[in-house]
Amino acid sequence: MASEKQTSDHPRLELDAWLAAGDYVTTPDGHRVFYRDSQGDLPALVLLHGFPTASWDWHKLWPALTMRYRVVAPDFLGFGFSDKPPTHDYSISEQAYIVETLLASLGIRHTLLVAHDYGDTVAQELMARVLDRQRSEADGVNVHAVCLLNGGLFPETHRARLIQKLLVSPVGPLLSRLMNERRLASSLGAVFGPDTQPDERELAEFWRVASHNDGHRLSHRLLHYMGERVVNRERWVAALAQAPMPLRLIVGEVDPVSGTHMAERYAELVPRPDIVKLPGIGHYPQTEAPQQVLGAITEHFDALP
């Protein structure tokens, strides 16, 4: 039986066209961060991607989402087509600051948020900042509702792959230098659903965005976020438990990293949990089951007052 990924009628956007349609914002440190902005006078929606890929992860949803929202999708610093300084100390806090800086530069003060994997953690920090500002009555970007896809929302449920554990070990720098297209394809295939595996073209696209400007050689630095999740667990879990905006979790159930077991923990810790479960889908729901994810996102946001 064909998978949804193979039969989806979502138009595919060529990666070159995606890059050509983007723009850059410069951080205070002088680094250029790539982003797509559909523009228009519509409610804003920000898409935050995962590790080790880029905003291209959302291309199957882009045409439909841009009919309803002004969609902004950045490549985090160190990812995709953004700058990848080789000795930089990457952090979730900095990535959240860059997202806020980008939105301010675009004049966006109110937004919806959809995040995946690494982007989930950035979203948790952004949500924590919303709570901080509410307590202090400070000004800033207001996030009205959030959809989270598979990601390490709780460090105790994050089942890191062996390669991730090795990359944050003392041999990490060496392993980063040895990363290649075949190894990335193997790592990605292991976290997709059995019937929704990426095809050769998709794997080539994943590799291109990951390896652009030698980004694949930074994996050991970018993976520092796993340790940050432990250090900041109280702050980032509180952002979920005390969220002042409606949350929805969309989870591919067979994801070995952050699948059903993570959703069960979410149901334990988040009041009135709203969870959409996708049977047979792995770690990349937006790629594996775009129609289902699109429906879950729009249903959640359409229910807002």
Protein backbone atom coordinates (compact mmCIF):
# COMPACT_ATOMS: atom_id res chain seq x y z
CA MET A 1 0.00 0.00 0.00
CA ALA A 2 1.43 3.44 -0.91
CA SER A 3 2.18 5.81 1.94
CA GLU A 4 0.72 9.30 2.19
CA LYS A 5 4.21 10.66 1.66
CA GLN A 6 4.30 9.05 -1.77
CA THR A 7 0.77 10.01 -2.84
CA SER A 8 0.43 13.50 -1.34
CA ASP A 9 -0.72 16.09 -3.84
CA HIS A 10 1.13 18.88 -2.03
CA PRO A 11 3.16 20.71 -4.68
CA ARG A 12 6.90 20.26 -4.23
CA LEU A 13 9.01 23.37 -4.19
CA GLU A 14 12.48 22.97 -5.61
CA LEU A 15 15.22 23.57 -3.07
CA ASP A 16 16.92 26.10 -5.36
CA ALA A 17 13.67 28.04 -5.65
CA TRP A 18 13.28 27.91 -1.86
CA LEU A 19 16.72 29.45 -1.42
CA ALA A 20 16.14 32.07 -4.12
CA ALA A 21 12.85 33.16 -2.52
CA GLY A 22 14.45 33.71 0.89
CA ASP A 23 16.18 36.62 2.57
CA TYR A 24 18.64 37.22 5.39
CA VAL A 25 18.63 39.03 8.70
CA THR A 26 21.91 39.94 10.37
CA THR A 27 22.40 39.18 14.07
CA PRO A 28 24.11 41.65 16.43
CA ASP A 29 27.22 39.45 16.10
CA GLY A 30 27.23 39.98 12.35
CA HIS A 31 26.01 36.51 11.35
CA ARG A 32 23.49 36.15 8.51
CA VAL A 33 20.38 34.07 9.20
CA PHE A 34 18.32 32.82 6.25
CA TYR A 35 14.53 32.89 6.36
CA ARG A 36 11.46 32.58 4.18
CA ASP A 37 8.63 35.09 4.55
CA SER A 38 5.43 34.70 2.55
CA GLN A 39 4.47 38.28 3.52
CA GLY A 40 0.93 39.57 3.10
CA ASP A 41 -1.71 40.94 5.44
CA LEU A 42 -2.55 37.69 7.20
CA PRO A 43 -2.08 36.34 10.75
CA ALA A 44 1.59 35.52 11.33
CA LEU A 45 2.77 31.93 11.73
CA VAL A 46 6.38 31.00 12.56
CA LEU A 47 7.77 27.56 11.68
CA LEU A 48 10.78 26.29 13.66
CA HIS A 49 12.70 23.32 12.26
CA GLY A 50 14.69 20.51 13.84
CA PHE A 51 18.20 19.06 13.95
CA PRO A 52 20.11 18.58 11.66
CA THR A 53 18.02 20.05 8.85
CA ALA A 54 16.44 23.43 8.09
CA SER A 55 13.30 25.38 7.20
CA TRP A 56 13.09 23.26 4.03
CA ASP A 57 11.52 20.63 6.32
CA TRP A 58 8.25 22.58 5.99
CA HIS A 59 8.11 22.81 2.19
CA LYS A 60 5.27 20.30 1.81
CA LEU A 61 3.07 22.42 4.09
CA TRP A 62 4.20 25.79 2.74
CA PRO A 63 1.74 26.26 -0.16
CA ALA A 64 -1.34 25.47 1.94
CA LEU A 65 -0.21 27.37 5.03
CA THR A 66 0.64 30.50 3.05
CA MET A 67 -2.94 30.62 1.80
CA ARG A 68 -4.08 31.20 5.39
CA TYR A 69 -1.15 32.84 7.18
CA ARG A 70 1.85 35.06 6.74
CA VAL A 71 4.41 32.30 7.24
CA VAL A 72 7.95 32.98 8.46
CA ALA A 73 10.42 30.09 8.52
CA PRO A 74 14.04 30.74 9.56
CA ASP A 75 17.07 28.49 9.34
CA PHE A 76 18.61 28.59 12.81
CA LEU A 77 22.18 29.85 13.09
CA GLY A 78 24.43 26.90 12.22
CA PHE A 79 21.73 25.22 10.10
CA GLY A 80 20.60 25.19 6.49
CA PHE A 81 21.47 28.31 4.51
CA SER A 82 22.27 30.45 7.56
CA ASP A 83 25.85 31.22 8.55
CA LYS A 84 27.69 28.39 10.28
CA PRO A 85 30.57 29.89 12.27
CA PRO A 86 32.80 26.88 13.05
CA THR A 87 33.90 27.83 16.58
CA HIS A 88 30.66 29.40 17.77
CA ASP A 89 29.04 28.37 21.06
CA TYR A 90 25.50 27.65 19.85
CA SER A 91 22.69 27.86 22.39
CA ILE A 92 18.91 27.61 22.53
CA SER A 93 18.70 31.00 24.23
CA GLU A 94 20.57 32.61 21.34
CA GLN A 95 18.34 30.92 18.77
CA ALA A 96 15.24 32.21 20.58
CA TYR A 97 16.74 35.70 20.64
CA ILE A 98 17.42 35.48 16.89
CA VAL A 99 13.79 34.48 16.23
CA GLU A 100 12.60 37.46 18.30
CA THR A 101 15.04 39.74 16.46
CA LEU A 102 13.81 38.49 13.08
CA LEU A 103 10.15 39.02 14.00
CA ALA A 104 10.90 42.52 15.29
CA SER A 105 12.68 43.36 12.03
CA LEU A 106 9.57 42.21 10.13
CA GLY A 107 7.24 44.23 12.34
CA ILE A 108 5.53 41.10 13.71
CA ARG A 109 4.33 41.47 17.31
CA HIS A 110 1.73 38.68 17.39
CA THR A 111 2.22 35.19 16.02
CA LEU A 112 1.24 31.54 16.00
CA LEU A 113 4.00 28.95 16.37
CA VAL A 114 4.66 25.48 14.95
CA ALA A 115 7.85 23.68 15.94
CA HIS A 116 9.63 20.35 15.53
CA ASP A 117 12.52 18.62 17.34
CA TYR A 118 15.26 21.21 18.06
CA GLY A 119 12.67 23.86 17.23
CA ASP A 120 10.47 22.52 20.05
CA THR A 121 13.15 23.48 22.55
CA VAL A 122 13.46 26.95 21.02
CA ALA A 123 9.66 27.20 21.21
CA GLN A 124 9.75 26.25 24.90
CA GLU A 125 12.24 29.06 25.55
CA LEU A 126 10.07 31.51 23.60
CA MET A 127 7.04 30.40 25.65
CA ALA A 128 9.04 30.83 28.86
CA ARG A 129 9.86 34.37 27.76
CA VAL A 130 6.17 35.09 27.22
CA LEU A 131 5.58 34.00 30.84
CA ASP A 132 8.51 36.14 32.02
CA ARG A 133 7.10 39.19 30.27
CA GLN A 134 3.63 38.62 31.68
CA ARG A 135 5.06 38.58 35.20
CA SER A 136 7.11 41.72 34.64
CA GLU A 137 4.60 43.43 32.32
CA ALA A 138 7.40 43.84 29.77
CA ASP A 139 6.84 44.23 26.04
CA GLY A 140 7.68 41.67 23.37
CA VAL A 141 6.35 39.17 20.84
CA ASN A 142 3.03 37.64 21.86
CA VAL A 143 2.58 33.95 20.96
CA HIS A 144 -1.15 33.17 20.68
CA ALA A 145 -1.07 29.40 20.14
CA VAL A 146 1.48 26.64 19.62
CA CYS A 147 1.67 23.29 17.81
CA LEU A 148 4.60 21.05 18.73
CA LEU A 149 5.70 18.05 16.66
CA ASN A 150 7.98 15.22 17.78
CA GLY A 151 10.84 16.51 19.92
CA GLY A 152 12.68 16.22 23.21
CA LEU A 153 10.25 18.18 25.35
CA PHE A 154 11.39 16.28 28.45
CA PRO A 155 15.03 15.20 28.85
CA GLU A 156 13.96 12.09 30.74
CA THR A 157 12.04 10.78 27.71
CA HIS A 158 14.51 11.79 24.98
CA ARG A 159 16.01 8.57 23.59
CA ALA A 160 19.06 9.91 21.85
CA ARG A 161 20.46 7.79 19.02
CA LEU A 162 23.89 6.26 19.50
CA ILE A 163 25.39 8.64 16.96
CA GLN A 164 24.06 11.61 18.95
CA LYS A 165 25.58 10.27 22.15
CA LEU A 166 28.91 9.79 20.41
CA LEU A 167 28.80 13.26 18.86
CA VAL A 168 28.56 14.88 22.31
CA SER A 169 31.38 12.69 23.64
CA PRO A 170 35.12 13.46 23.35
CA VAL A 171 35.16 11.78 19.92
CA GLY A 172 32.44 14.12 18.66
CA PRO A 173 34.68 16.48 16.66
CA LEU A 174 36.22 13.53 14.82
CA LEU A 175 32.84 11.99 14.04
CA SER A 176 31.57 15.33 12.72
CA ARG A 177 34.45 15.42 10.26
CA LEU A 178 33.58 11.89 9.11
CA MET A 179 29.87 12.63 8.54
CA ASN A 180 28.77 12.08 4.94
CA GLU A 181 25.61 11.70 2.89
CA ARG A 182 25.38 7.94 3.40
CA ARG A 183 25.67 8.20 7.18
CA LEU A 184 23.08 10.98 7.35
CA ALA A 185 20.69 8.93 5.19
CA SER A 186 21.11 5.96 7.52
CA SER A 187 20.46 8.10 10.62
CA LEU A 188 17.33 9.65 9.12
CA GLY A 189 15.95 6.37 7.85
CA ALA A 190 16.17 4.93 11.34
CA VAL A 191 13.74 7.53 12.75
CA PHE A 192 11.16 7.60 9.91
CA GLY A 193 8.18 5.29 9.92
CA PRO A 194 8.64 1.90 8.18
CA ASP A 195 6.13 2.79 5.44
CA THR A 196 7.05 6.47 5.09
CA GLN A 197 10.78 6.27 4.43
CA PRO A 198 12.42 9.21 2.63
CA ASP A 199 13.19 8.59 -1.03
CA GLU A 200 16.54 9.26 -2.67
CA ARG A 201 15.62 12.79 -3.70
CA GLU A 202 14.48 13.71 -0.20
CA LEU A 203 17.65 12.30 1.31
CA ALA A 204 19.73 14.32 -1.16
CA GLU A 205 17.81 17.45 -0.12
CA PHE A 206 18.34 16.73 3.57
CA TRP A 207 22.05 16.30 2.91
CA ARG A 208 22.32 19.48 0.88
CA VAL A 209 20.85 21.70 3.60
CA ALA A 210 22.77 19.93 6.37
CA SER A 211 26.11 20.06 4.55
CA HIS A 212 25.80 23.58 3.12
CA ASN A 213 28.92 25.54 4.11
CA ASP A 214 30.23 22.41 5.86
CA GLY A 215 27.42 22.46 8.40
CA HIS A 216 27.65 18.69 8.88
CA ARG A 217 31.02 19.29 10.54
CA LEU A 218 29.30 21.27 13.34
CA SER A 219 27.06 18.48 14.64
CA HIS A 220 29.04 18.05 17.86
CA ARG A 221 28.60 21.77 18.61
CA LEU A 222 24.93 21.99 17.66
CA LEU A 223 24.08 18.97 19.82
CA HIS A 224 24.98 20.89 22.98
CA TYR A 225 21.24 21.52 23.19
CA MET A 226 20.77 18.04 24.68
CA GLY A 227 22.71 19.16 27.75
CA GLU A 228 20.84 22.47 27.80
CA ARG A 229 17.57 20.54 28.07
CA VAL A 230 18.77 18.97 31.29
CA VAL A 231 20.08 22.22 32.79
CA ASN A 232 16.92 24.15 31.86
CA ARG A 233 14.40 21.39 32.44
CA GLU A 234 12.47 23.23 35.15
CA ARG A 235 12.11 26.39 33.06
CA TRP A 236 11.20 24.64 29.82
CA VAL A 237 8.79 22.09 31.28
CA ALA A 238 7.13 24.88 33.26
CA ALA A 239 6.63 26.71 29.96
CA LEU A 240 4.45 23.77 28.87
CA ALA A 241 2.69 23.18 32.17
CA GLN A 242 1.92 26.87 32.70
CA ALA A 243 1.48 27.86 29.06
CA PRO A 244 -0.77 30.92 28.77
CA MET A 245 -1.67 29.97 25.20
CA PRO A 246 -3.40 26.87 23.72
CA LEU A 247 -1.02 23.99 22.99
CA ARG A 248 -1.35 20.99 20.72
CA LEU A 249 1.11 18.10 20.43
CA ILE A 250 1.21 16.29 17.07
CA VAL A 251 3.20 13.10 17.45
CA GLY A 252 4.32 10.40 15.07
CA GLU A 253 3.82 7.37 17.28
CA VAL A 254 6.60 5.10 15.97
CA ASP A 255 9.37 7.68 16.38
CA PRO A 256 12.04 5.86 18.44
CA VAL A 257 13.44 9.16 19.75
CA SER A 258 10.36 11.14 20.82
CA GLY A 259 7.30 9.08 19.95
CA THR A 260 4.55 7.48 22.03
CA HIS A 261 6.66 7.40 25.19
CA MET A 262 7.18 11.18 25.00
CA ALA A 263 3.45 11.77 24.39
CA GLU A 264 2.64 9.72 27.49
CA ARG A 265 4.93 11.92 29.59
CA TYR A 266 3.35 15.00 28.02
CA ALA A 267 -0.09 13.76 29.13
CA GLU A 268 1.23 13.37 32.69
CA LEU A 269 2.76 16.84 32.99
CA VAL A 270 0.66 19.16 30.82
CA PRO A 271 -2.82 20.09 32.07
CA ARG A 272 -5.69 19.25 29.69
CA PRO A 273 -3.32 17.74 27.12
CA ASP A 274 -4.36 18.10 23.48
CA ILE A 275 -2.53 15.32 21.61
CA VAL A 276 -2.97 14.25 17.99
CA LYS A 277 -1.42 10.81 17.46
CA LEU A 278 -0.29 9.66 14.03
CA PRO A 279 -0.04 5.85 13.87
CA GLY A 280 2.78 4.48 11.72
CA ILE A 281 4.48 7.88 11.46
CA GLY A 282 8.00 8.51 12.73
CA HIS A 283 10.07 11.50 13.76
CA TYR A 284 9.28 13.78 10.78
CA PRO A 285 5.46 14.03 10.61
CA GLN A 286 5.54 17.13 8.39
CA THR A 287 7.47 15.13 5.77
CA GLU A 288 5.91 11.72 6.30
CA ALA A 289 2.25 12.75 6.70
CA PRO A 290 1.87 16.36 5.51
CA GLN A 291 -1.88 16.22 4.95
CA GLN A 292 -2.56 14.93 8.45
CA VAL A 293 -0.23 17.46 10.01
CA LEU A 294 -1.75 20.30 8.01
CA GLY A 295 -5.22 19.29 9.19
CA ALA A 296 -4.13 19.10 12.82
CA ILE A 297 -2.43 22.51 12.67
CA THR A 298 -5.28 24.37 11.00
CA GLU A 299 -7.91 22.73 13.22
CA HIS A 300 -6.01 23.89 16.31
CA PHE A 301 -5.56 27.44 15.13
CA ASP A 302 -9.08 27.72 13.68
CA ALA A 303 -10.47 26.99 17.15
CA LEU A 304 -8.92 30.14 18.59
CA PRO A 305 -11.38 32.85 19.66
